[in-house]
Amino acid sequence: MSDEKINVYEVFKHYGGDEYKSLINKGEIDGMDFLIGKIGDINKLTAGMAGFGAERSQRVIIDFDKDYGYFIAKRIFMDYGAL
């Protein structure tokens, strides 16, 4: 990745981050991790459950807007109820 400074909040907002913030505040989801990267790094950064690993049940959402220049990968911990 380049050393270019990224306005994380603006990228987070671009991809609907305020909606996830609301879901967390309402207790509908426990929390969310996310990573932001430049479009050119998407293949490298999204390998292996989007770079988060697979230590817990999770939903990984990768939002990609080809004209925006950045993508965001969001991980939401899930409890699917599997025994």
Protein backbone atom coordinates (compact mmCIF):
# COMPACT_ATOMS: atom_id res chain seq x y z
CA MET A 1 0.00 0.00 0.00
CA SER A 2 1.07 3.54 -0.54
CA ASP A 3 1.85 6.04 2.19
CA GLU A 4 -1.03 8.24 1.04
CA LYS A 5 -3.17 9.47 3.94
CA ILE A 6 -6.74 8.22 3.80
CA ASN A 7 -9.65 10.06 5.40
CA VAL A 8 -11.01 6.95 7.11
CA TYR A 9 -14.23 8.58 8.28
CA GLU A 10 -15.11 9.82 4.79
CA VAL A 11 -14.50 6.38 3.26
CA PHE A 12 -16.49 4.75 6.10
CA LYS A 13 -19.40 7.14 5.45
CA HIS A 14 -19.20 6.60 1.68
CA TYR A 15 -19.89 2.91 2.22
CA GLY A 16 -22.78 3.32 4.67
CA GLY A 17 -20.84 3.26 7.92
CA ASP A 18 -23.35 5.45 9.73
CA GLU A 19 -25.98 2.73 9.20
CA TYR A 20 -23.73 0.16 10.88
CA LYS A 21 -23.00 2.58 13.71
CA SER A 22 -26.76 2.86 14.29
CA LEU A 23 -27.15 -0.96 14.33
CA ILE A 24 -24.39 -1.21 16.92
CA ASN A 25 -25.95 1.52 19.07
CA LYS A 26 -29.32 -0.30 18.92
CA GLY A 27 -27.67 -3.57 19.97
CA GLU A 28 -28.68 -5.31 16.73
CA ILE A 29 -25.07 -6.30 16.10
CA ASP A 30 -22.26 -6.67 18.65
CA GLY A 31 -19.73 -4.69 16.69
CA MET A 32 -17.83 -4.42 13.49
CA ASP A 33 -14.21 -4.39 12.40
CA PHE A 34 -13.27 -2.89 9.09
CA LEU A 35 -10.31 -2.30 6.88
CA ILE A 36 -9.94 0.26 4.12
CA GLY A 37 -7.64 -0.11 1.19
CA LYS A 38 -6.85 1.33 -2.19
CA ILE A 39 -8.56 -0.38 -5.12
CA GLY A 40 -5.19 -1.57 -6.45
CA ASP A 41 -4.57 -3.54 -3.24
CA ILE A 42 -7.96 -5.30 -3.10
CA ASN A 43 -6.71 -8.75 -4.15
CA LYS A 44 -3.87 -8.74 -1.63
CA LEU A 45 -5.92 -7.35 1.27
CA THR A 46 -9.08 -9.45 0.87
CA ALA A 47 -7.39 -12.86 0.98
CA GLY A 48 -8.03 -14.99 4.07
CA MET A 49 -11.47 -13.74 5.15
CA ALA A 50 -10.57 -10.21 4.11
CA GLY A 51 -7.44 -10.29 6.24
CA PHE A 52 -9.41 -10.92 9.44
CA GLY A 53 -8.87 -14.69 9.73
CA ALA A 54 -11.52 -17.21 10.68
CA GLU A 55 -11.28 -17.47 14.46
CA ARG A 56 -14.98 -16.60 14.97
CA SER A 57 -18.21 -16.89 13.01
CA GLN A 58 -18.52 -13.76 10.97
CA ARG A 59 -20.04 -12.03 7.99
CA VAL A 60 -17.53 -10.29 5.75
CA ILE A 61 -18.83 -7.65 3.36
CA ILE A 62 -16.55 -6.10 0.77
CA ASP A 63 -17.84 -2.87 -0.75
CA PHE A 64 -16.13 -1.81 -3.94
CA ASP A 65 -16.89 1.34 -5.93
CA LYS A 66 -14.56 1.21 -8.95
CA ASP A 67 -14.63 4.97 -9.50
CA TYR A 68 -14.08 5.89 -5.83
CA GLY A 69 -10.50 4.69 -5.45
CA TYR A 70 -10.96 2.88 -2.12
CA PHE A 71 -12.79 -0.21 -0.91
CA ILE A 72 -13.90 -1.25 2.55
CA ALA A 73 -14.10 -4.74 4.02
CA LYS A 74 -16.39 -5.02 7.04
CA ARG A 75 -16.45 -7.92 9.48
CA ILE A 76 -19.50 -8.41 11.66
CA PHE A 77 -19.31 -11.12 14.31
CA MET A 78 -22.23 -13.52 14.00
CA ASP A 79 -23.87 -16.10 16.21
CA TYR A 80 -25.47 -18.52 13.78
CA GLY A 81 -26.53 -20.86 16.56
CA ALA A 82 -24.53 -23.85 15.30
CA LEU A 83 -23.62 -26.41 17.92
